[in-house]
Amino acid sequence: MKRVAILISGGGSNMVRLLESMTGDHPARPVLVASNDPQAGGLTKAAAMGVPVAAVDHRPFGKDRAGFEAQLLEHLDAARPDILCLAGFMRILTPDFIRRFEGRMLNIHPSLLPKYKGLHTHARALEAGDAEAGCTVHEVTAELDSGAILGQARVPIQAGDTPDDLAARVLVEEHRLYPEVLRRFADPALT
């Protein structure tokens, strides 16, 4: 059974879907949900679902990302995850941190990578006149949103879409895709 830790920064809707999926015959179980924001709504949700939680407020660290990560690693090391899932974790991680979890860290990104790395993906897809948008689950590497693509889901862009309209439709697909990819990733026999 693989041990999964999830990093969040906000309400944790993808985190909730991951937690809900890790039951029954799933090859993984959650061991920790951690956040860089002690007020993140997802922490309350995870605790209510019986998952241990931790928070390390990034703000007192200023630009000292390594110091923030050292405190975060104390919680992660105690939980001993086999897989680390980023689910709306809005901090750029250092190459040293990423190397520590190399080949074991997943992220969900709200675009069809390699298009629109970084932020404001839905607005950028609309501005480009794209016919479709979507989401990607990928392995995390030191280069932002550039690791191996493990799964994608597509949604059509409709006339009159706003970034918020598009984000809402993509989020539905994120909630389906991320648990599906995690299951495959946790049990390579499924691929």
N, C-alpha and C. Protein backbone atom coordinates (compact mmCIF):
# COMPACT_ATOMS: atom_id res chain seq x y z
N MET A 1 0.85 -1.18 0.00
CA MET A 1 0.00 0.00 0.00
C MET A 1 0.89 1.24 0.00
N LYS A 2 0.72 2.11 -1.00
CA LYS A 2 1.50 3.35 -1.09
C LYS A 2 0.94 4.40 -0.13
N ARG A 3 1.85 5.16 0.45
CA ARG A 3 1.50 6.23 1.38
C ARG A 3 1.52 7.56 0.61
N VAL A 4 0.43 8.33 0.70
CA VAL A 4 0.30 9.57 -0.08
C VAL A 4 0.16 10.77 0.84
N ALA A 5 0.99 11.79 0.59
CA ALA A 5 0.84 13.09 1.24
C ALA A 5 0.38 14.08 0.16
N ILE A 6 -0.46 15.01 0.57
CA ILE A 6 -1.02 15.99 -0.37
C ILE A 6 -0.72 17.38 0.16
N LEU A 7 -0.20 18.25 -0.72
CA LEU A 7 0.07 19.64 -0.36
C LEU A 7 -0.97 20.54 -1.01
N ILE A 8 -1.55 21.44 -0.20
CA ILE A 8 -2.60 22.34 -0.67
C ILE A 8 -2.30 23.77 -0.21
N SER A 9 -3.00 24.72 -0.80
CA SER A 9 -2.91 26.12 -0.33
C SER A 9 -4.27 26.73 -0.05
N GLY A 10 -5.34 26.08 -0.49
CA GLY A 10 -6.67 26.69 -0.35
C GLY A 10 -7.73 25.72 0.10
N GLY A 11 -8.87 25.75 -0.61
CA GLY A 11 -10.03 24.97 -0.22
C GLY A 11 -9.90 23.48 -0.41
N GLY A 12 -9.01 23.07 -1.30
CA GLY A 12 -8.70 21.65 -1.42
C GLY A 12 -9.72 20.80 -2.14
N SER A 13 -10.36 21.31 -3.19
CA SER A 13 -11.37 20.48 -3.86
C SER A 13 -10.72 19.26 -4.53
N ASN A 14 -9.56 19.43 -5.15
CA ASN A 14 -8.88 18.26 -5.73
C ASN A 14 -8.39 17.32 -4.64
N MET A 15 -7.93 17.88 -3.53
CA MET A 15 -7.48 17.05 -2.41
C MET A 15 -8.63 16.18 -1.90
N VAL A 16 -9.82 16.76 -1.77
CA VAL A 16 -10.98 16.00 -1.30
C VAL A 16 -11.25 14.83 -2.25
N ARG A 17 -11.19 15.08 -3.56
CA ARG A 17 -11.45 14.00 -4.54
C ARG A 17 -10.39 12.91 -4.42
N LEU A 18 -9.13 13.30 -4.19
CA LEU A 18 -8.08 12.31 -4.01
C LEU A 18 -8.35 11.47 -2.75
N LEU A 19 -8.69 12.15 -1.65
CA LEU A 19 -8.97 11.43 -0.41
C LEU A 19 -10.15 10.47 -0.58
N GLU A 20 -11.21 10.95 -1.24
CA GLU A 20 -12.39 10.10 -1.45
C GLU A 20 -12.05 8.87 -2.28
N SER A 21 -11.08 9.01 -3.18
CA SER A 21 -10.75 7.90 -4.08
C SER A 21 -9.91 6.82 -3.40
N MET A 22 -9.17 7.18 -2.36
CA MET A 22 -8.22 6.23 -1.75
C MET A 22 -8.90 5.35 -0.70
N THR A 23 -9.85 4.53 -1.17
CA THR A 23 -10.57 3.61 -0.31
C THR A 23 -10.66 2.27 -1.02
N GLY A 24 -11.21 1.29 -0.35
CA GLY A 24 -11.45 0.00 -0.98
C GLY A 24 -10.19 -0.61 -1.54
N ASP A 25 -10.22 -0.98 -2.83
CA ASP A 25 -9.09 -1.66 -3.45
C ASP A 25 -8.04 -0.69 -4.00
N HIS A 26 -8.16 0.58 -3.69
CA HIS A 26 -7.17 1.56 -4.16
C HIS A 26 -5.80 1.18 -3.61
N PRO A 27 -4.74 1.29 -4.43
CA PRO A 27 -3.41 0.88 -4.00
C PRO A 27 -2.68 1.91 -3.12
N ALA A 28 -3.38 2.93 -2.68
CA ALA A 28 -2.74 3.96 -1.85
C ALA A 28 -3.68 4.43 -0.76
N ARG A 29 -3.09 5.03 0.27
CA ARG A 29 -3.86 5.62 1.37
C ARG A 29 -3.23 6.95 1.75
N PRO A 30 -4.06 7.92 2.15
CA PRO A 30 -3.52 9.22 2.56
C PRO A 30 -2.91 9.15 3.96
N VAL A 31 -1.75 9.80 4.11
CA VAL A 31 -1.09 9.83 5.42
C VAL A 31 -0.93 11.25 5.96
N LEU A 32 -1.11 12.28 5.09
CA LEU A 32 -0.95 13.66 5.52
C LEU A 32 -1.51 14.61 4.47
N VAL A 33 -2.17 15.67 4.94
CA VAL A 33 -2.48 16.82 4.11
C VAL A 33 -1.81 18.01 4.78
N ALA A 34 -0.95 18.70 4.04
CA ALA A 34 -0.22 19.84 4.59
C ALA A 34 -0.43 21.07 3.72
N SER A 35 -0.32 22.24 4.36
CA SER A 35 -0.54 23.50 3.65
C SER A 35 0.49 24.54 4.07
N ASN A 36 0.71 25.48 3.18
CA ASN A 36 1.54 26.64 3.47
C ASN A 36 0.72 27.77 4.10
N ASP A 37 -0.58 27.52 4.28
CA ASP A 37 -1.48 28.52 4.86
C ASP A 37 -2.28 27.87 5.99
N PRO A 38 -2.01 28.25 7.24
CA PRO A 38 -2.73 27.63 8.36
C PRO A 38 -4.25 27.82 8.29
N GLN A 39 -4.72 28.81 7.50
CA GLN A 39 -6.15 29.06 7.37
C GLN A 39 -6.77 28.36 6.16
N ALA A 40 -6.01 27.57 5.45
CA ALA A 40 -6.52 26.90 4.25
C ALA A 40 -7.73 26.04 4.61
N GLY A 41 -8.82 26.26 3.91
CA GLY A 41 -10.06 25.54 4.19
C GLY A 41 -9.93 24.04 4.01
N GLY A 42 -9.02 23.62 3.14
CA GLY A 42 -8.83 22.20 2.91
C GLY A 42 -8.32 21.45 4.12
N LEU A 43 -7.62 22.12 5.02
CA LEU A 43 -7.12 21.46 6.23
C LEU A 43 -8.29 20.97 7.09
N THR A 44 -9.30 21.81 7.24
CA THR A 44 -10.48 21.43 8.01
C THR A 44 -11.19 20.25 7.36
N LYS A 45 -11.29 20.29 6.02
CA LYS A 45 -11.95 19.19 5.30
C LYS A 45 -11.19 17.88 5.49
N ALA A 46 -9.86 17.94 5.36
CA ALA A 46 -9.05 16.73 5.50
C ALA A 46 -9.17 16.16 6.92
N ALA A 47 -9.10 17.04 7.91
CA ALA A 47 -9.22 16.58 9.30
C ALA A 47 -10.57 15.93 9.54
N ALA A 48 -11.62 16.51 8.95
CA ALA A 48 -12.96 15.94 9.10
C ALA A 48 -13.07 14.57 8.44
N MET A 49 -12.19 14.31 7.47
CA MET A 49 -12.18 13.02 6.78
C MET A 49 -11.21 12.05 7.46
N GLY A 50 -10.66 12.46 8.60
CA GLY A 50 -9.80 11.58 9.38
C GLY A 50 -8.35 11.50 8.94
N VAL A 51 -7.91 12.48 8.15
CA VAL A 51 -6.53 12.48 7.66
C VAL A 51 -5.72 13.46 8.50
N PRO A 52 -4.52 13.07 8.96
CA PRO A 52 -3.67 14.00 9.70
C PRO A 52 -3.34 15.24 8.86
N VAL A 53 -3.29 16.39 9.51
CA VAL A 53 -3.00 17.64 8.81
C VAL A 53 -1.84 18.37 9.48
N ALA A 54 -1.20 19.24 8.70
CA ALA A 54 -0.12 20.09 9.20
C ALA A 54 -0.10 21.37 8.39
N ALA A 55 0.36 22.44 9.02
CA ALA A 55 0.49 23.71 8.31
C ALA A 55 1.81 24.35 8.70
N VAL A 56 2.49 24.88 7.69
CA VAL A 56 3.70 25.67 7.89
C VAL A 56 3.46 26.97 7.14
N ASP A 57 3.21 28.04 7.86
CA ASP A 57 2.93 29.35 7.26
C ASP A 57 4.19 29.84 6.55
N HIS A 58 4.09 30.04 5.24
CA HIS A 58 5.26 30.48 4.46
C HIS A 58 5.61 31.94 4.69
N ARG A 59 4.65 32.74 5.16
CA ARG A 59 4.87 34.19 5.23
C ARG A 59 6.02 34.61 6.13
N PRO A 60 6.19 34.02 7.33
CA PRO A 60 7.31 34.46 8.17
C PRO A 60 8.68 34.18 7.55
N PHE A 61 8.73 33.31 6.55
CA PHE A 61 10.02 32.96 5.94
C PHE A 61 10.44 33.94 4.86
N GLY A 62 9.53 34.83 4.43
CA GLY A 62 9.88 35.78 3.38
C GLY A 62 10.39 35.06 2.14
N LYS A 63 11.57 35.41 1.71
CA LYS A 63 12.16 34.81 0.51
C LYS A 63 12.98 33.55 0.83
N ASP A 64 12.99 33.13 2.08
CA ASP A 64 13.77 31.96 2.50
C ASP A 64 12.98 30.68 2.22
N ARG A 65 12.94 30.29 0.95
CA ARG A 65 12.18 29.10 0.57
C ARG A 65 12.75 27.84 1.21
N ALA A 66 14.08 27.76 1.30
CA ALA A 66 14.71 26.57 1.90
C ALA A 66 14.32 26.44 3.37
N GLY A 67 14.21 27.55 4.08
CA GLY A 67 13.81 27.51 5.48
C GLY A 67 12.38 27.02 5.63
N PHE A 68 11.49 27.53 4.77
CA PHE A 68 10.10 27.08 4.77
C PHE A 68 10.04 25.58 4.47
N GLU A 69 10.77 25.16 3.44
CA GLU A 69 10.74 23.75 3.05
C GLU A 69 11.31 22.84 4.13
N ALA A 70 12.31 23.31 4.86
CA ALA A 70 12.89 22.50 5.94
C ALA A 70 11.83 22.19 7.00
N GLN A 71 11.01 23.20 7.33
CA GLN A 71 9.94 22.95 8.31
C GLN A 71 8.86 22.03 7.73
N LEU A 72 8.53 22.24 6.46
CA LEU A 72 7.54 21.38 5.81
C LEU A 72 8.04 19.94 5.77
N LEU A 73 9.32 19.77 5.50
CA LEU A 73 9.90 18.42 5.42
C LEU A 73 9.85 17.69 6.75
N GLU A 74 9.88 18.41 7.86
CA GLU A 74 9.75 17.75 9.15
C GLU A 74 8.43 16.98 9.22
N HIS A 75 7.35 17.61 8.75
CA HIS A 75 6.04 16.96 8.74
C HIS A 75 6.01 15.82 7.72
N LEU A 76 6.58 16.06 6.54
CA LEU A 76 6.58 15.03 5.50
C LEU A 76 7.42 13.83 5.92
N ASP A 77 8.58 14.09 6.48
CA ASP A 77 9.44 12.98 6.91
C ASP A 77 8.74 12.12 7.96
N ALA A 78 8.01 12.76 8.86
CA ALA A 78 7.28 12.02 9.89
C ALA A 78 6.18 11.15 9.27
N ALA A 79 5.59 11.62 8.18
CA ALA A 79 4.50 10.88 7.52
C ALA A 79 5.03 9.80 6.56
N ARG A 80 6.27 9.90 6.14
CA ARG A 80 6.92 8.93 5.25
C ARG A 80 6.11 8.61 3.99
N PRO A 81 5.77 9.63 3.19
CA PRO A 81 4.99 9.34 1.99
C PRO A 81 5.83 8.67 0.90
N ASP A 82 5.17 7.78 0.16
CA ASP A 82 5.77 7.21 -1.05
C ASP A 82 5.51 8.13 -2.24
N ILE A 83 4.38 8.83 -2.19
CA ILE A 83 3.96 9.72 -3.28
C ILE A 83 3.55 11.05 -2.67
N LEU A 84 3.94 12.14 -3.33
CA LEU A 84 3.56 13.48 -2.90
C LEU A 84 2.73 14.10 -4.02
N CYS A 85 1.48 14.48 -3.70
CA CYS A 85 0.58 15.10 -4.67
C CYS A 85 0.43 16.58 -4.36
N LEU A 86 0.69 17.41 -5.35
CA LEU A 86 0.42 18.84 -5.23
C LEU A 86 -1.00 19.06 -5.76
N ALA A 87 -1.84 19.67 -4.95
CA ALA A 87 -3.24 19.88 -5.33
C ALA A 87 -3.60 21.32 -4.99
N GLY A 88 -3.26 22.24 -5.90
CA GLY A 88 -3.49 23.65 -5.63
C GLY A 88 -2.49 24.20 -4.63
N PHE A 89 -1.27 23.67 -4.64
CA PHE A 89 -0.21 24.16 -3.76
C PHE A 89 0.48 25.30 -4.48
N MET A 90 0.32 26.52 -3.96
CA MET A 90 0.72 27.72 -4.70
C MET A 90 2.09 28.26 -4.28
N ARG A 91 3.02 27.36 -4.06
CA ARG A 91 4.40 27.75 -3.77
C ARG A 91 5.31 27.07 -4.78
N ILE A 92 6.29 27.83 -5.27
CA ILE A 92 7.31 27.24 -6.13
C ILE A 92 8.31 26.53 -5.21
N LEU A 93 8.56 25.26 -5.49
CA LEU A 93 9.47 24.47 -4.66
C LEU A 93 10.89 24.53 -5.22
N THR A 94 11.86 24.45 -4.32
CA THR A 94 13.26 24.53 -4.75
C THR A 94 13.67 23.23 -5.44
N PRO A 95 14.70 23.31 -6.29
CA PRO A 95 15.21 22.09 -6.92
C PRO A 95 15.63 21.03 -5.90
N ASP A 96 16.19 21.43 -4.77
CA ASP A 96 16.59 20.46 -3.75
C ASP A 96 15.39 19.69 -3.22
N PHE A 97 14.29 20.41 -2.95
CA PHE A 97 13.07 19.76 -2.46
C PHE A 97 12.55 18.78 -3.52
N ILE A 98 12.50 19.25 -4.75
CA ILE A 98 11.96 18.43 -5.84
C ILE A 98 12.81 17.18 -6.04
N ARG A 99 14.14 17.33 -5.98
CA ARG A 99 15.02 16.16 -6.14
C ARG A 99 14.73 15.09 -5.09
N ARG A 100 14.40 15.53 -3.90
CA ARG A 100 14.13 14.59 -2.81
C ARG A 100 12.93 13.68 -3.12
N PHE A 101 11.99 14.19 -3.89
CA PHE A 101 10.79 13.42 -4.24
C PHE A 101 10.74 13.08 -5.73
N GLU A 102 11.88 13.15 -6.38
CA GLU A 102 11.93 12.92 -7.82
C GLU A 102 11.31 11.58 -8.18
N GLY A 103 10.45 11.62 -9.20
CA GLY A 103 9.78 10.41 -9.65
C GLY A 103 8.63 9.97 -8.76
N ARG A 104 8.35 10.76 -7.71
CA ARG A 104 7.29 10.40 -6.76
C ARG A 104 6.35 11.57 -6.49
N MET A 105 6.48 12.67 -7.26
CA MET A 105 5.68 13.87 -6.99
C MET A 105 4.83 14.21 -8.22
N LEU A 106 3.51 14.35 -7.98
CA LEU A 106 2.56 14.67 -9.04
C LEU A 106 1.96 16.05 -8.81
N ASN A 107 1.52 16.66 -9.92
CA ASN A 107 0.82 17.94 -9.85
C ASN A 107 -0.31 17.92 -10.86
N ILE A 108 -1.36 18.66 -10.56
CA ILE A 108 -2.41 18.89 -11.55
C ILE A 108 -2.34 20.35 -11.96
N HIS A 109 -2.37 20.56 -13.27
CA HIS A 109 -2.24 21.91 -13.83
C HIS A 109 -3.43 22.19 -14.74
N PRO A 110 -4.05 23.38 -14.63
CA PRO A 110 -5.26 23.67 -15.39
C PRO A 110 -5.02 24.16 -16.82
N SER A 111 -4.23 23.40 -17.57
CA SER A 111 -4.11 23.65 -19.00
C SER A 111 -3.67 22.35 -19.66
N LEU A 112 -3.70 22.36 -20.97
CA LEU A 112 -3.22 21.21 -21.73
C LEU A 112 -1.73 21.42 -21.99
N LEU A 113 -0.93 21.06 -21.00
CA LEU A 113 0.51 21.24 -21.14
C LEU A 113 0.99 20.52 -22.40
N PRO A 114 1.98 21.05 -23.09
CA PRO A 114 2.89 22.12 -22.66
C PRO A 114 2.36 23.53 -22.83
N LYS A 115 1.11 23.69 -23.25
CA LYS A 115 0.56 25.05 -23.36
C LYS A 115 0.32 25.66 -21.98
N TYR A 116 0.58 26.94 -21.85
CA TYR A 116 0.17 27.76 -20.71
C TYR A 116 0.68 27.27 -19.36
N LYS A 117 1.99 27.15 -19.28
CA LYS A 117 2.60 26.88 -17.97
C LYS A 117 2.38 28.09 -17.08
N GLY A 118 2.39 27.88 -15.78
CA GLY A 118 2.24 29.00 -14.86
C GLY A 118 0.79 29.36 -14.60
N LEU A 119 0.56 30.66 -14.40
CA LEU A 119 -0.75 31.15 -13.95
C LEU A 119 -1.63 31.65 -15.09
N HIS A 120 -2.87 31.97 -14.76
CA HIS A 120 -3.85 32.60 -15.67
C HIS A 120 -4.08 31.76 -16.93
N THR A 121 -4.12 30.46 -16.77
CA THR A 121 -4.18 29.56 -17.92
C THR A 121 -5.48 29.72 -18.72
N HIS A 122 -6.61 29.91 -18.04
CA HIS A 122 -7.89 29.98 -18.75
C HIS A 122 -7.99 31.27 -19.56
N ALA A 123 -7.57 32.37 -19.00
CA ALA A 123 -7.58 33.64 -19.73
C ALA A 123 -6.65 33.55 -20.94
N ARG A 124 -5.52 32.92 -20.76
CA ARG A 124 -4.56 32.79 -21.87
C ARG A 124 -5.12 31.93 -22.99
N ALA A 125 -5.83 30.85 -22.65
CA ALA A 125 -6.43 29.99 -23.68
C ALA A 125 -7.51 30.76 -24.45
N LEU A 126 -8.31 31.56 -23.72
CA LEU A 126 -9.34 32.36 -24.38
C LEU A 126 -8.72 33.43 -25.28
N GLU A 127 -7.70 34.11 -24.77
CA GLU A 127 -7.04 35.16 -25.56
C GLU A 127 -6.42 34.60 -26.83
N ALA A 128 -5.96 33.36 -26.78
CA ALA A 128 -5.32 32.74 -27.94
C ALA A 128 -6.34 32.24 -28.96
N GLY A 129 -7.63 32.24 -28.57
CA GLY A 129 -8.66 31.75 -29.47
C GLY A 129 -8.68 30.23 -29.60
N ASP A 130 -8.20 29.53 -28.61
CA ASP A 130 -8.16 28.07 -28.64
C ASP A 130 -9.58 27.50 -28.72
N ALA A 131 -9.70 26.33 -29.34
CA ALA A 131 -10.99 25.64 -29.45
C ALA A 131 -11.27 24.78 -28.22
N GLU A 132 -10.20 24.43 -27.49
CA GLU A 132 -10.37 23.59 -26.32
C GLU A 132 -9.36 23.98 -25.25
N ALA A 133 -9.68 23.59 -24.04
CA ALA A 133 -8.78 23.77 -22.90
C ALA A 133 -8.82 22.46 -22.12
N GLY A 134 -8.26 22.46 -20.93
CA GLY A 134 -8.31 21.24 -20.14
C GLY A 134 -7.33 21.26 -19.00
N CYS A 135 -6.93 20.06 -18.58
CA CYS A 135 -6.03 19.94 -17.44
C CYS A 135 -5.06 18.80 -17.69
N THR A 136 -3.96 18.84 -16.94
CA THR A 136 -2.88 17.86 -17.10
C THR A 136 -2.40 17.43 -15.73
N VAL A 137 -2.23 16.13 -15.53
CA VAL A 137 -1.49 15.63 -14.38
C VAL A 137 -0.11 15.26 -14.89
N HIS A 138 0.90 15.78 -14.18
CA HIS A 138 2.28 15.55 -14.63
C HIS A 138 3.19 15.31 -13.44
N GLU A 139 4.33 14.69 -13.72
CA GLU A 139 5.36 14.55 -12.70
C GLU A 139 6.00 15.92 -12.50
N VAL A 140 6.38 16.21 -11.26
CA VAL A 140 7.00 17.49 -10.95
C VAL A 140 8.51 17.38 -11.15
N THR A 141 9.05 18.36 -11.89
CA THR A 141 10.49 18.49 -12.07
C THR A 141 10.88 19.91 -11.68
N ALA A 142 12.17 20.17 -11.69
CA ALA A 142 12.65 21.50 -11.30
C ALA A 142 12.19 22.58 -12.27
N GLU A 143 11.86 22.21 -13.49
CA GLU A 143 11.37 23.19 -14.46
C GLU A 143 9.85 23.26 -14.35
N LEU A 144 9.31 24.45 -14.12
CA LEU A 144 7.90 24.67 -13.85
C LEU A 144 7.00 24.00 -14.90
N ASP A 145 6.07 23.17 -14.42
CA ASP A 145 5.03 22.56 -15.26
C ASP A 145 5.60 21.85 -16.49
N SER A 146 6.73 21.16 -16.30
CA SER A 146 7.41 20.57 -17.45
C SER A 146 7.68 19.07 -17.34
N GLY A 147 7.26 18.42 -16.26
CA GLY A 147 7.54 16.99 -16.11
C GLY A 147 6.70 16.13 -17.03
N ALA A 148 6.99 14.84 -17.02
CA ALA A 148 6.29 13.88 -17.87
C ALA A 148 4.78 13.98 -17.67
N ILE A 149 4.05 14.02 -18.76
CA ILE A 149 2.58 14.09 -18.72
C ILE A 149 2.02 12.69 -18.49
N LEU A 150 1.22 12.55 -17.44
CA LEU A 150 0.65 11.26 -17.06
C LEU A 150 -0.82 11.12 -17.43
N GLY A 151 -1.46 12.24 -17.73
CA GLY A 151 -2.87 12.20 -18.13
C GLY A 151 -3.37 13.58 -18.44
N GLN A 152 -4.31 13.66 -19.37
CA GLN A 152 -4.94 14.95 -19.72
C GLN A 152 -6.43 14.73 -19.93
N ALA A 153 -7.19 15.80 -19.70
CA ALA A 153 -8.62 15.81 -20.00
C ALA A 153 -8.91 17.12 -20.72
N ARG A 154 -9.78 17.05 -21.71
CA ARG A 154 -10.08 18.21 -22.56
C ARG A 154 -11.53 18.65 -22.39
N VAL A 155 -11.74 19.95 -22.52
CA VAL A 155 -13.10 20.51 -22.55
C VAL A 155 -13.16 21.50 -23.70
N PRO A 156 -14.30 21.57 -24.39
CA PRO A 156 -14.42 22.55 -25.47
C PRO A 156 -14.56 23.95 -24.90
N ILE A 157 -14.00 24.90 -25.59
CA ILE A 157 -14.23 26.31 -25.25
C ILE A 157 -15.47 26.76 -26.02
N GLN A 158 -16.39 27.37 -25.29
CA GLN A 158 -17.66 27.76 -25.89
C GLN A 158 -17.69 29.27 -26.12
N ALA A 159 -18.46 29.68 -27.11
CA ALA A 159 -18.61 31.10 -27.40
C ALA A 159 -19.09 31.83 -26.15
N GLY A 160 -18.47 32.94 -25.85
CA GLY A 160 -18.88 33.74 -24.69
C GLY A 160 -18.28 33.29 -23.38
N ASP A 161 -17.45 32.25 -23.39
CA ASP A 161 -16.82 31.80 -22.15
C ASP A 161 -15.99 32.90 -21.51
N THR A 162 -16.08 32.99 -20.21
CA THR A 162 -15.16 33.82 -19.43
C THR A 162 -14.12 32.88 -18.81
N PRO A 163 -13.02 33.43 -18.30
CA PRO A 163 -12.07 32.56 -17.61
C PRO A 163 -12.72 31.76 -16.48
N ASP A 164 -13.67 32.37 -15.77
CA ASP A 164 -14.34 31.66 -14.67
C ASP A 164 -15.23 30.52 -15.19
N ASP A 165 -15.93 30.76 -16.30
CA ASP A 165 -16.76 29.69 -16.91
C ASP A 165 -15.88 28.50 -17.27
N LEU A 166 -14.77 28.81 -17.94
CA LEU A 166 -13.87 27.76 -18.39
C LEU A 166 -13.25 27.03 -17.20
N ALA A 167 -12.84 27.79 -16.19
CA ALA A 167 -12.24 27.19 -15.00
C ALA A 167 -13.20 26.20 -14.34
N ALA A 168 -14.48 26.56 -14.28
CA ALA A 168 -15.46 25.68 -13.64
C ALA A 168 -15.60 24.37 -14.39
N ARG A 169 -15.62 24.43 -15.73
CA ARG A 169 -15.73 23.19 -16.52
C ARG A 169 -14.46 22.36 -16.44
N VAL A 170 -13.31 23.02 -16.44
CA VAL A 170 -12.05 22.29 -16.33
C VAL A 170 -11.95 21.62 -14.95
N LEU A 171 -12.41 22.30 -13.91
CA LEU A 171 -12.32 21.75 -12.56
C LEU A 171 -13.07 20.42 -12.44
N VAL A 172 -14.20 20.32 -13.11
CA VAL A 172 -14.95 19.05 -13.11
C VAL A 172 -14.05 17.93 -13.64
N GLU A 173 -13.31 18.22 -14.70
CA GLU A 173 -12.41 17.22 -15.28
C GLU A 173 -11.21 16.96 -14.38
N GLU A 174 -10.70 18.00 -13.70
CA GLU A 174 -9.60 17.80 -12.75
C GLU A 174 -10.01 16.80 -11.68
N HIS A 175 -11.23 16.95 -11.16
CA HIS A 175 -11.72 16.08 -10.09
C HIS A 175 -11.84 14.62 -10.54
N ARG A 176 -12.03 14.39 -11.83
CA ARG A 176 -12.10 13.05 -12.38
C ARG A 176 -10.69 12.52 -12.70
N LEU A 177 -9.89 13.36 -13.33
CA LEU A 177 -8.58 12.93 -13.85
C LEU A 177 -7.56 12.63 -12.75
N TYR A 178 -7.43 13.51 -11.76
CA TYR A 178 -6.36 13.36 -10.78
C TYR A 178 -6.47 12.04 -10.01
N PRO A 179 -7.66 11.67 -9.49
CA PRO A 179 -7.76 10.37 -8.82
C PRO A 179 -7.44 9.19 -9.74
N GLU A 180 -7.86 9.29 -10.99
CA GLU A 180 -7.60 8.22 -11.96
C GLU A 180 -6.09 8.04 -12.18
N VAL A 181 -5.37 9.15 -12.35
CA VAL A 181 -3.93 9.08 -12.58
C VAL A 181 -3.21 8.61 -11.32
N LEU A 182 -3.64 9.09 -10.15
CA LEU A 182 -3.00 8.65 -8.91
C LEU A 182 -3.13 7.13 -8.75
N ARG A 183 -4.29 6.59 -9.04
CA ARG A 183 -4.48 5.14 -8.92
C ARG A 183 -3.50 4.40 -9.82
N ARG A 184 -3.38 4.83 -11.06
CA ARG A 184 -2.43 4.19 -12.00
C ARG A 184 -0.99 4.35 -11.52
N PHE A 185 -0.66 5.55 -11.04
CA PHE A 185 0.70 5.84 -10.60
C PHE A 185 1.08 5.00 -9.38
N ALA A 186 0.12 4.80 -8.49
CA ALA A 186 0.38 4.04 -7.26
C ALA A 186 0.50 2.55 -7.53
N ASP A 187 -0.05 2.08 -8.64
CA ASP A 187 0.02 0.67 -9.00
C ASP A 187 0.40 0.54 -10.47
N PRO A 188 1.70 0.50 -10.76
CA PRO A 188 2.14 0.44 -12.16
C PRO A 188 1.55 -0.74 -12.93
N ALA A 189 1.07 -1.76 -12.24
CA ALA A 189 0.44 -2.89 -12.95
C ALA A 189 -0.83 -2.45 -13.68
N LEU A 190 -1.39 -1.31 -13.29
CA LEU A 190 -2.62 -0.82 -13.92
C LEU A 190 -2.36 -0.10 -15.24
N THR A 191 -1.10 0.22 -15.53
CA THR A 191 -0.80 0.99 -16.75
C THR A 191 -0.65 0.10 -17.97
